[in-house]
Amino acid sequence: MVAVRLSAYVGEDRKLEVTLPADAPTGLVQLVVTPLETPEDDDQELRTRLIAAGVLVNPADMDIPEDIEYLTDEELDELGQLPPGAPTSEQLVDEDRGLY
């Protein structure tokens, strides 16, 4: 017997439309509907496990002030720029590797 497993979406109207592949069995079949976990459920479970293991820091435990002002994209870009006349990133890497 060939079993066919598909994922499908059931809308608010509770209708399910499925097109089976050509090798699906014909005749009497059993249809079982099992809800799948949503990605949000998976994310929350993973996050909980990582926090419990001490691998992921909970932002609430970091004493970040509520009135923090985040940098704009332009300010972040400016911070990423080397000053005029500075060696290039490639030159700095070569120097670290002892090639320059």
Protein backbone atom coordinates (compact mmCIF):
# COMPACT_ATOMS: atom_id res chain seq x y z
CA MET A 1 0.00 0.00 0.00
CA VAL A 2 1.25 3.48 -0.89
CA ALA A 3 0.77 6.17 1.77
CA VAL A 4 0.60 9.80 0.72
CA ARG A 5 1.35 12.52 3.26
CA LEU A 6 0.48 16.11 2.34
CA SER A 7 0.39 19.43 4.14
CA ALA A 8 -2.64 21.59 3.44
CA TYR A 9 -4.35 24.71 4.73
CA VAL A 10 -7.85 24.70 6.18
CA GLY A 11 -9.45 28.13 5.83
CA GLU A 12 -12.00 29.82 8.04
CA ASP A 13 -14.72 28.24 5.89
CA ARG A 14 -13.40 24.82 7.03
CA LYS A 15 -12.99 23.67 3.44
CA LEU A 16 -10.06 21.60 2.32
CA GLU A 17 -9.12 21.20 -1.32
CA VAL A 18 -6.47 18.64 -2.17
CA THR A 19 -5.07 17.47 -5.48
CA LEU A 20 -3.34 14.15 -5.04
CA PRO A 21 -0.27 13.08 -7.01
CA ALA A 22 -0.69 10.65 -9.89
CA ASP A 23 0.61 7.70 -7.86
CA ALA A 24 -1.95 8.16 -5.07
CA PRO A 25 -4.12 5.12 -4.43
CA THR A 26 -7.64 5.03 -5.80
CA GLY A 27 -10.66 3.62 -4.01
CA LEU A 28 -11.50 3.77 -0.33
CA VAL A 29 -9.01 5.83 1.75
CA GLN A 30 -8.79 7.14 5.28
CA LEU A 31 -8.32 10.87 5.76
CA VAL A 32 -6.81 12.04 9.07
CA VAL A 33 -6.46 15.77 9.81
CA THR A 34 -3.68 16.60 12.27
CA PRO A 35 -2.84 20.23 13.04
CA LEU A 36 0.79 21.19 12.39
CA GLU A 37 2.78 23.39 14.73
CA THR A 38 3.13 26.90 13.42
CA PRO A 39 6.60 28.42 12.97
CA GLU A 40 5.78 30.79 15.84
CA ASP A 41 5.26 27.78 18.15
CA ASP A 42 8.59 26.32 17.04
CA ASP A 43 10.35 29.66 17.56
CA GLN A 44 8.96 30.11 21.06
CA GLU A 45 9.85 26.56 22.08
CA LEU A 46 13.40 26.97 20.76
CA ARG A 47 13.76 30.34 22.48
CA THR A 48 12.56 28.89 25.80
CA ARG A 49 15.02 25.99 25.55
CA LEU A 50 17.96 28.26 24.71
CA ILE A 51 17.19 30.63 27.60
CA ALA A 52 16.85 27.67 30.00
CA ALA A 53 20.22 26.34 28.82
CA GLY A 54 21.82 29.74 29.44
CA VAL A 55 22.81 30.05 25.80
CA LEU A 56 20.40 32.83 24.88
CA VAL A 57 20.23 35.99 26.91
CA ASN A 58 16.81 37.32 27.81
CA PRO A 59 16.79 41.03 26.87
CA ALA A 60 14.72 41.77 29.99
CA ASP A 61 17.67 40.61 32.12
CA MET A 62 20.14 43.00 30.48
CA ASP A 63 19.09 46.20 32.29
CA ILE A 64 18.58 48.06 29.01
CA PRO A 65 16.93 51.41 29.77
CA GLU A 66 13.37 51.79 28.51
CA ASP A 67 14.12 55.24 27.03
CA ILE A 68 17.07 54.10 24.93
CA GLU A 69 17.53 55.96 21.65
CA TYR A 70 18.55 53.73 18.78
CA LEU A 71 20.89 54.93 16.04
CA THR A 72 19.50 55.71 12.63
CA ASP A 73 20.68 53.77 9.57
CA GLU A 74 22.71 56.80 8.51
CA GLU A 75 24.45 56.96 11.91
CA LEU A 76 25.23 53.24 11.74
CA ASP A 77 26.66 53.67 8.22
CA GLU A 78 28.85 56.53 9.44
CA LEU A 79 30.22 54.39 12.27
CA GLY A 80 31.18 51.72 9.75
CA GLN A 81 33.31 54.09 7.65
CA LEU A 82 37.07 54.33 8.08
CA PRO A 83 38.40 57.87 8.51
CA PRO A 84 39.98 59.58 5.48
CA GLY A 85 43.55 58.43 4.84
CA ALA A 86 43.12 55.27 6.94
CA PRO A 87 44.39 51.97 5.53
CA THR A 88 41.80 49.93 3.70
CA SER A 89 40.19 46.91 5.32
CA GLU A 90 42.22 44.66 3.01
CA GLN A 91 45.46 46.34 4.13
CA LEU A 92 44.50 45.91 7.79
CA VAL A 93 43.78 42.21 7.26
CA ASP A 94 47.08 41.73 5.40
CA GLU A 95 48.89 43.51 8.24
CA ASP A 96 47.24 41.22 10.82
CA ARG A 97 48.33 38.22 8.77
CA GLY A 98 51.87 39.53 8.53
CA LEU A 99 51.63 39.98 4.76
CA TYR A 100 52.02 43.76 4.65
